[in-house]
C-alpha atoms as a PDB file:
ATOM      1  CA  MET A   1     -73.827 180.535 372.828  1.00  0.00           C
ATOM      2  CA  SER A   2     -73.525 177.554 370.719  1.00  0.00           C
ATOM      3  CA  TRP A   3     -74.066 177.324 367.017  1.00  0.00           C
ATOM      4  CA  PHE A   4     -75.952 174.156 367.189  1.00  0.00           C
ATOM      5  CA  PRO A   5     -78.315 174.271 370.149  1.00  0.00           C
ATOM      6  CA  LEU A   6     -80.165 171.271 368.954  1.00  0.00           C
ATOM      7  CA  ALA A   7     -76.994 169.252 368.646  1.00  0.00           C
ATOM      8  CA  GLU A   8     -76.310 169.812 372.349  1.00  0.00           C
ATOM      9  CA  ALA A   9     -79.669 168.479 373.402  1.00  0.00           C
ATOM     10  CA  PRO A  10     -79.519 165.382 375.519  1.00  0.00           C
ATOM     11  CA  VAL A  11     -79.744 162.175 373.577  1.00  0.00           C
ATOM     12  CA  PRO A  12     -82.502 159.915 374.826  1.00  0.00           C
ATOM     13  CA  GLU A  13     -81.460 156.360 375.386  1.00  0.00           C
ATOM     14  CA  GLY A  14     -83.089 153.368 373.823  1.00  0.00           C
ATOM     15  CA  GLY A  15     -84.798 152.724 370.531  1.00  0.00           C
ATOM     16  CA  LEU A  16     -83.363 151.420 367.374  1.00  0.00           C
ATOM     17  CA  PHE A  17     -83.269 154.799 365.677  1.00  0.00           C
ATOM     18  CA  ASP A  18     -82.587 158.016 367.438  1.00  0.00           C
ATOM     19  CA  PHE A  19     -83.942 161.045 365.601  1.00  0.00           C
ATOM     20  CA  ASP A  20     -82.263 164.051 367.051  1.00  0.00           C
ATOM     21  CA  ALA A  21     -80.627 167.196 365.639  1.00  0.00           C
ATOM     22  CA  THR A  22     -77.837 165.212 363.856  1.00  0.00           C
ATOM     23  CA  LEU A  23     -80.255 163.931 361.227  1.00  0.00           C
ATOM     24  CA  PRO A  24     -81.135 167.338 359.751  1.00  0.00           C
ATOM     25  CA  LEU A  25     -77.516 168.412 360.115  1.00  0.00           C
ATOM     26  CA  MET A  26     -76.359 165.337 358.178  1.00  0.00           C
ATOM     27  CA  ALA A  27     -79.043 165.931 355.557  1.00  0.00           C
ATOM     28  CA  ILE A  28     -77.845 169.515 355.106  1.00  0.00           C
ATOM     29  CA  GLN A  29     -74.240 168.301 354.860  1.00  0.00           C
ATOM     30  CA  VAL A  30     -75.217 165.746 352.199  1.00  0.00           C
ATOM     31  CA  VAL A  31     -77.083 168.404 350.184  1.00  0.00           C
ATOM     32  CA  VAL A  32     -74.186 170.879 350.455  1.00  0.00           C
ATOM     33  CA  LEU A  33     -71.618 168.200 349.628  1.00  0.00           C
ATOM     34  CA  THR A  34     -73.723 167.073 346.661  1.00  0.00           C
ATOM     35  CA  PHE A  35     -74.003 170.666 345.438  1.00  0.00           C
ATOM     36  CA  ILE A  36     -70.222 171.239 345.805  1.00  0.00           C
ATOM     37  CA  LEU A  37     -69.337 167.942 344.163  1.00  0.00           C
ATOM     38  CA  ASN A  38     -71.777 168.657 341.348  1.00  0.00           C
ATOM     39  CA  LYS A  39     -70.280 172.109 340.693  1.00  0.00           C
ATOM     40  CA  LEU A  40     -66.620 171.135 341.139  1.00  0.00           C
ATOM     41  CA  PHE A  41     -66.430 167.625 339.713  1.00  0.00           C
ATOM     42  CA  PHE A  42     -69.547 166.284 338.052  1.00  0.00           C
ATOM     43  CA  GLN A  43     -70.311 169.224 335.755  1.00  0.00           C
ATOM     44  CA  PRO A  44     -66.735 169.464 334.335  1.00  0.00           C
ATOM     45  CA  VAL A  45     -66.549 165.711 334.028  1.00  0.00           C
ATOM     46  CA  GLY A  46     -69.998 165.703 332.404  1.00  0.00           C
ATOM     47  CA  LYS A  47     -68.863 168.366 329.945  1.00  0.00           C
ATOM     48  CA  VAL A  48     -65.755 166.362 329.070  1.00  0.00           C
ATOM     49  CA  VAL A  49     -67.847 163.204 328.673  1.00  0.00           C
ATOM     50  CA  GLU A  50     -70.346 165.054 326.461  1.00  0.00           C
ATOM     51  CA  GLU A  51     -67.513 166.517 324.373  1.00  0.00           C
ATOM     52  CA  ARG A  52     -65.946 163.104 323.966  1.00  0.00           C
ATOM     53  CA  GLU A  53     -69.303 161.586 323.143  1.00  0.00           C
ATOM     54  CA  GLY A  54     -69.844 164.296 320.546  1.00  0.00           C
ATOM     55  CA  PHE A  55     -66.355 163.682 319.160  1.00  0.00           C
ATOM     56  CA  VAL A  56     -66.973 159.927 319.026  1.00  0.00           C
ATOM     57  CA  THR A  57     -70.356 160.444 317.356  1.00  0.00           C
ATOM     58  CA  THR A  58     -68.856 162.852 314.826  1.00  0.00           C
ATOM     59  CA  SER A  59     -65.926 160.551 314.197  1.00  0.00           C
ATOM     60  CA  HIS A  60     -68.279 157.607 313.783  1.00  0.00           C
ATOM     61  CA  LYS A  61     -70.400 159.535 311.270  1.00  0.00           C
ATOM     62  CA  ASP A  62     -67.266 160.629 309.384  1.00  0.00           C
ATOM     63  CA  ALA A  63     -65.995 157.065 309.365  1.00  0.00           C
ATOM     64  CA  LYS A  64     -69.336 155.807 308.016  1.00  0.00           C
ATOM     65  CA  GLU A  65     -69.290 158.481 305.301  1.00  0.00           C
ATOM     66  CA  ARG A  66     -65.701 157.657 304.388  1.00  0.00           C
ATOM     67  CA  LEU A  67     -66.501 153.955 304.348  1.00  0.00           C
ATOM     68  CA  ALA A  68     -69.462 154.604 302.062  1.00  0.00           C
ATOM     69  CA  GLN A  69     -67.232 156.759 299.848  1.00  0.00           C
ATOM     70  CA  VAL A  70     -64.569 154.040 299.759  1.00  0.00           C
ATOM     71  CA  GLN A  71     -67.205 151.461 298.851  1.00  0.00           C
ATOM     72  CA  ARG A  72     -68.492 153.712 296.048  1.00  0.00           C
ATOM     73  CA  LEU A  73     -64.948 154.219 294.797  1.00  0.00           C
ATOM     74  CA  GLU A  74     -64.316 150.491 295.001  1.00  0.00           C
ATOM     75  CA  GLN A  75     -67.448 149.798 292.959  1.00  0.00           C
ATOM     76  CA  ASP A  76     -66.421 152.449 290.430  1.00  0.00           C
ATOM     77  CA  LEU A  77     -62.954 150.951 290.164  1.00  0.00           C
ATOM     78  CA  LYS A  78     -64.394 147.465 289.768  1.00  0.00           C
ATOM     79  CA  ALA A  79     -66.662 148.739 286.995  1.00  0.00           C
ATOM     80  CA  GLN A  80     -63.708 150.480 285.330  1.00  0.00           C
ATOM     81  CA  LEU A  81     -61.615 147.328 285.665  1.00  0.00           C
ATOM     82  CA  GLN A  82     -64.408 145.234 284.155  1.00  0.00           C
ATOM     83  CA  GLN A  83     -64.767 147.731 281.304  1.00  0.00           C
ATOM     84  CA  ALA A  84     -60.988 147.708 280.769  1.00  0.00           C
ATOM     85  CA  ARG A  85     -61.025 143.906 280.649  1.00  0.00           C
ATOM     86  CA  GLN A  86     -63.841 143.946 278.112  1.00  0.00           C
ATOM     87  CA  ASP A  87     -62.015 146.560 276.048  1.00  0.00           C
ATOM     88  CA  ALA A  88     -58.831 144.498 276.220  1.00  0.00           C
ATOM     89  CA  GLN A  89     -60.720 141.377 275.134  1.00  0.00           C
ATOM     90  CA  ALA A  90     -62.241 143.320 272.253  1.00  0.00           C
ATOM     91  CA  VAL A  91     -58.789 144.569 271.208  1.00  0.00           C
ATOM     92  CA  ILE A  92     -57.383 141.041 271.470  1.00  0.00           C
ATOM     93  CA  ALA A  93     -60.272 139.644 269.403  1.00  0.00           C
ATOM     94  CA  ALA A  94     -59.775 142.370 266.781  1.00  0.00           C
ATOM     95  CA  ALA A  95     -56.037 141.654 266.703  1.00  0.00           C
ATOM     96  CA  GLU A  96     -56.703 137.918 266.344  1.00  0.00           C
ATOM     97  CA  ASP A  97     -59.118 138.618 263.482  1.00  0.00           C
ATOM     98  CA  GLU A  98     -56.556 140.877 261.817  1.00  0.00           C
ATOM     99  CA  VAL A  99     -53.823 138.264 262.249  1.00  0.00           C
ATOM    100  CA  ALA A 100     -56.128 135.592 260.825  1.00  0.00           C
ATOM    101  CA  THR A 101     -56.928 137.835 257.854  1.00  0.00           C
ATOM    102  CA  LEU A 102     -53.246 138.624 257.318  1.00  0.00           C
ATOM    103  CA  TYR A 103     -52.403 134.928 257.608  1.00  0.00           C
ATOM    104  CA  LYS A 104     -55.048 133.965 255.080  1.00  0.00           C
ATOM    105  CA  SER A 105     -53.958 136.670 252.648  1.00  0.00           C
ATOM    106  CA  ALA A 106     -50.285 135.764 253.095  1.00  0.00           C
ATOM    107  CA  LEU A 107     -51.139 132.095 252.624  1.00  0.00           C
ATOM    108  CA  ALA A 108     -53.163 132.852 249.496  1.00  0.00           C
ATOM    109  CA  GLU A 109     -50.332 135.024 248.172  1.00  0.00           C
ATOM    110  CA  ALA A 110     -47.798 132.317 248.946  1.00  0.00           C
ATOM    111  CA  LYS A 111     -49.972 129.717 247.195  1.00  0.00           C
ATOM    112  CA  ALA A 112     -50.379 132.000 244.188  1.00  0.00           C
ATOM    113  CA  SER A 113     -46.647 132.662 244.119  1.00  0.00           C
ATOM    114  CA  ALA A 114     -45.915 128.939 244.422  1.00  0.00           C
ATOM    115  CA  THR A 115     -48.368 128.212 241.622  1.00  0.00           C
ATOM    116  CA  ARG A 116     -46.736 130.883 239.432  1.00  0.00           C
ATOM    117  CA  LEU A 117     -43.284 129.538 240.211  1.00  0.00           C
ATOM    118  CA  ARG A 118     -44.448 125.983 239.494  1.00  0.00           C
ATOM    119  CA  GLU A 119     -46.026 127.042 236.201  1.00  0.00           C
ATOM    120  CA  GLN A 120     -42.921 129.023 235.274  1.00  0.00           C
ATOM    121  CA  ALA A 121     -40.719 126.065 236.186  1.00  0.00           C
ATOM    122  CA  ARG A 122     -43.005 123.793 234.160  1.00  0.00           C
ATOM    123  CA  ALA A 123     -42.834 126.205 231.218  1.00  0.00           C
ATOM    124  CA  ASP A 124     -39.026 126.432 231.563  1.00  0.00           C
ATOM    125  CA  MET A 125     -38.780 122.646 231.724  1.00  0.00           C
ATOM    126  CA  GLU A 126     -41.059 122.317 228.698  1.00  0.00           C
ATOM    127  CA  ALA A 127     -38.946 124.846 226.819  1.00  0.00           C
ATOM    128  CA  GLN A 128     -35.748 123.045 227.829  1.00  0.00           C
ATOM    129  CA  ARG A 129     -37.305 119.702 226.882  1.00  0.00           C
ATOM    130  CA  SER A 130     -38.380 121.090 223.527  1.00  0.00           C
ATOM    131  CA  ALA A 131     -34.953 122.591 222.972  1.00  0.00           C
ATOM    132  CA  ALA A 132     -33.305 119.339 224.046  1.00  0.00           C
ATOM    133  CA  ALA A 133     -35.650 117.355 221.793  1.00  0.00           C
ATOM    134  CA  ALA A 134     -34.919 119.673 218.868  1.00  0.00           C
ATOM    135  CA  THR A 135     -31.175 119.464 219.508  1.00  0.00           C
ATOM    136  CA  LEU A 136     -31.379 115.704 219.898  1.00  0.00           C
ATOM    137  CA  SER A 137     -33.441 115.417 216.745  1.00  0.00           C
ATOM    138  CA  LYS A 138     -30.946 117.561 214.830  1.00  0.00           C
ATOM    139  CA  GLU A 139     -28.003 115.601 216.157  1.00  0.00           C
ATOM    140  CA  SER A 140     -29.735 112.294 215.464  1.00  0.00           C
ATOM    141  CA  ARG A 141     -30.361 113.376 211.832  1.00  0.00           C
ATOM    142  CA  GLN A 142     -26.749 114.383 211.484  1.00  0.00           C
ATOM    143  CA  LEU A 143     -25.685 111.091 212.973  1.00  0.00           C
ATOM    144  CA  ALA A 144     -28.120 109.216 210.720  1.00  0.00           C
ATOM    145  CA  ASP A 145     -26.841 111.107 207.688  1.00  0.00           C
ATOM    146  CA  LEU A 146     -23.262 110.349 208.708  1.00  0.00           C
ATOM    147  CA  ILE A 147     -24.102 106.662 209.155  1.00  0.00           C
ATOM    148  CA  ILE A 148     -25.837 106.574 205.777  1.00  0.00           C
ATOM    149  CA  GLN A 149     -22.886 108.262 204.099  1.00  0.00           C
ATOM    150  CA  ARG A 150     -20.453 105.831 205.574  1.00  0.00           C
ATOM    151  CA  LEU A 151     -22.633 102.876 204.717  1.00  0.00           C
ATOM    152  CA  VAL A 152     -23.077 104.096 201.156  1.00  0.00           C
ATOM    153  CA  ALA A 153     -19.386 104.732 200.885  1.00  0.00           C
ATOM    154  CA  ILE A 154     -18.580 101.184 201.715  1.00  0.00           C
END
């Protein structure tokens, strides 16, 4: 007895398509092969693909979150840098104002000191001139008296 009695049936000749027992047998083979391939290859490959897709999706989300965090940090750092620049400019302006104030006060002090020194020098010169004039006047009187005495003695 044969397993496939229909497969042993005589094949009629002619016609473009012969529909005999090989067609259902081939259909069953295709279904069984599809089922085996699905269980052995496609499901494990599908699981791996889904896992990788999940990993890629998760990694993509993490990368977007990290990028957003980096952008926030960059904005914060830019704001801090801008604030530091403004603070530095304020410190520089305050230092320039202080230097200008110190310069003006030092200049005023130097002018006052120069004026005092000039007045002191003028007073010293006036005193020396007065002393020299007094000495000259005294010496000129002595000389005049000496000349008069010599002229009268002649």
